N, C-alpha and C. Protein backbone atom coordinates (compact mmCIF):
# COMPACT_ATOMS: atom_id res chain seq x y z
N MET A 1 9.54 38.31 -22.97
CA MET A 1 9.68 37.93 -24.37
C MET A 1 8.74 36.75 -24.64
N ASP A 2 7.98 36.86 -25.70
CA ASP A 2 7.05 35.80 -26.09
C ASP A 2 7.66 35.05 -27.27
N ALA A 3 8.32 33.93 -26.97
CA ALA A 3 8.98 33.16 -28.02
C ALA A 3 8.58 31.70 -27.92
N GLN A 4 8.62 31.00 -29.05
CA GLN A 4 8.35 29.57 -29.08
C GLN A 4 9.65 28.84 -29.34
N LEU A 5 9.77 27.67 -28.73
CA LEU A 5 10.95 26.84 -28.90
C LEU A 5 10.59 25.66 -29.78
N ILE A 6 11.42 25.39 -30.79
CA ILE A 6 11.24 24.23 -31.65
C ILE A 6 12.45 23.33 -31.48
N ALA A 7 12.22 22.11 -31.02
CA ALA A 7 13.31 21.15 -30.85
C ALA A 7 13.67 20.57 -32.21
N GLU A 8 14.94 20.46 -32.48
CA GLU A 8 15.43 19.94 -33.76
C GLU A 8 16.19 18.64 -33.52
N GLY A 9 16.08 17.71 -34.44
CA GLY A 9 16.84 16.47 -34.35
C GLY A 9 16.17 15.39 -33.52
N VAL A 10 14.84 15.42 -33.44
CA VAL A 10 14.11 14.40 -32.68
C VAL A 10 14.10 13.12 -33.51
N GLU A 11 14.76 12.07 -33.01
CA GLU A 11 14.93 10.85 -33.78
C GLU A 11 14.12 9.67 -33.27
N THR A 12 13.65 9.70 -32.04
CA THR A 12 12.93 8.56 -31.49
C THR A 12 11.69 9.01 -30.73
N GLY A 13 10.80 8.05 -30.51
CA GLY A 13 9.63 8.34 -29.69
C GLY A 13 10.03 8.74 -28.29
N ALA A 14 11.09 8.13 -27.78
CA ALA A 14 11.56 8.48 -26.44
C ALA A 14 12.02 9.93 -26.38
N ASP A 15 12.69 10.39 -27.44
CA ASP A 15 13.09 11.81 -27.51
C ASP A 15 11.86 12.70 -27.46
N ALA A 16 10.85 12.37 -28.27
CA ALA A 16 9.64 13.17 -28.35
C ALA A 16 8.92 13.18 -27.00
N ASP A 17 8.83 12.03 -26.35
CA ASP A 17 8.17 11.95 -25.05
C ASP A 17 8.87 12.81 -24.01
N CYS A 18 10.19 12.75 -24.00
CA CYS A 18 10.97 13.54 -23.04
C CYS A 18 10.75 15.03 -23.26
N LEU A 19 10.78 15.45 -24.51
CA LEU A 19 10.56 16.86 -24.81
C LEU A 19 9.17 17.30 -24.40
N TYR A 20 8.16 16.46 -24.66
CA TYR A 20 6.79 16.79 -24.29
C TYR A 20 6.66 16.96 -22.78
N GLU A 21 7.33 16.07 -22.03
CA GLU A 21 7.30 16.17 -20.57
C GLU A 21 7.95 17.47 -20.09
N LEU A 22 8.88 17.99 -20.87
CA LEU A 22 9.54 19.25 -20.53
C LEU A 22 8.74 20.46 -21.00
N GLY A 23 7.61 20.21 -21.66
CA GLY A 23 6.76 21.30 -22.12
C GLY A 23 7.06 21.79 -23.52
N ILE A 24 7.90 21.06 -24.24
CA ILE A 24 8.25 21.45 -25.61
C ILE A 24 7.32 20.69 -26.55
N THR A 25 6.45 21.42 -27.22
CA THR A 25 5.42 20.78 -28.05
C THR A 25 5.65 20.95 -29.55
N LEU A 26 6.68 21.67 -29.94
CA LEU A 26 7.02 21.84 -31.35
C LEU A 26 8.37 21.19 -31.60
N ALA A 27 8.43 20.31 -32.61
CA ALA A 27 9.68 19.59 -32.86
C ALA A 27 9.75 19.14 -34.31
N GLN A 28 10.96 18.84 -34.75
CA GLN A 28 11.17 18.28 -36.08
C GLN A 28 12.29 17.27 -35.99
N GLY A 29 12.30 16.36 -36.93
CA GLY A 29 13.35 15.36 -36.98
C GLY A 29 12.88 14.08 -37.64
N TYR A 30 13.79 13.10 -37.73
CA TYR A 30 13.50 11.83 -38.40
C TYR A 30 12.33 11.09 -37.76
N HIS A 31 12.07 11.32 -36.48
CA HIS A 31 10.94 10.64 -35.83
C HIS A 31 9.63 10.99 -36.53
N TYR A 32 9.51 12.20 -37.02
CA TYR A 32 8.28 12.67 -37.65
C TYR A 32 8.29 12.44 -39.16
N ALA A 33 9.41 12.72 -39.81
CA ALA A 33 9.52 12.53 -41.26
C ALA A 33 10.98 12.66 -41.67
N LYS A 34 11.37 11.85 -42.63
CA LYS A 34 12.71 11.95 -43.18
C LYS A 34 12.72 13.04 -44.25
N PRO A 35 13.89 13.61 -44.54
CA PRO A 35 13.96 14.63 -45.59
C PRO A 35 13.43 14.06 -46.92
N CYS A 36 12.78 14.90 -47.70
CA CYS A 36 12.24 14.44 -48.98
C CYS A 36 12.20 15.59 -49.98
N GLU A 37 11.96 15.24 -51.22
CA GLU A 37 11.81 16.24 -52.27
C GLU A 37 10.50 17.02 -52.06
N ILE A 38 10.47 18.23 -52.55
CA ILE A 38 9.29 19.07 -52.39
C ILE A 38 8.05 18.39 -52.95
N ALA A 39 8.17 17.71 -54.09
CA ALA A 39 7.02 17.06 -54.72
C ALA A 39 6.39 16.01 -53.81
N ALA A 40 7.16 15.43 -52.90
CA ALA A 40 6.64 14.41 -52.00
C ALA A 40 5.85 15.02 -50.83
N LEU A 41 5.97 16.31 -50.61
CA LEU A 41 5.27 16.96 -49.50
C LEU A 41 3.77 17.12 -49.76
N GLU A 42 3.39 17.38 -51.00
CA GLU A 42 1.98 17.64 -51.30
C GLU A 42 1.07 16.49 -50.85
N PRO A 43 1.37 15.24 -51.19
CA PRO A 43 0.50 14.16 -50.72
C PRO A 43 0.46 14.04 -49.19
N MET A 44 1.57 14.35 -48.53
CA MET A 44 1.60 14.27 -47.07
C MET A 44 0.64 15.29 -46.46
N PHE A 45 0.66 16.52 -46.97
CA PHE A 45 -0.21 17.56 -46.45
C PHE A 45 -1.66 17.33 -46.87
N SER A 46 -1.88 16.81 -48.06
CA SER A 46 -3.24 16.53 -48.51
C SER A 46 -3.88 15.46 -47.63
N ALA A 47 -3.11 14.45 -47.26
CA ALA A 47 -3.63 13.37 -46.40
C ALA A 47 -3.98 13.91 -45.02
N GLN A 48 -3.18 14.84 -44.49
CA GLN A 48 -3.46 15.41 -43.18
C GLN A 48 -4.70 16.30 -43.22
N ALA A 49 -4.92 17.00 -44.31
CA ALA A 49 -6.06 17.89 -44.43
C ALA A 49 -7.35 17.12 -44.63
N GLY A 50 -7.22 15.91 -45.17
CA GLY A 50 -8.29 15.07 -45.61
C GLY A 50 -9.44 14.81 -44.85
């Protein structure tokens, strides 16, 4: 089976580091971004594309 694992609830850099050491490279949580309104996402993605 070819599946990807996404870690959820990553809250600290230490959490992210531990997951990376375990080979988990996809994650989401407060460490990366707090929940926000859809309108706030556009500037975030525009800055990354920039």
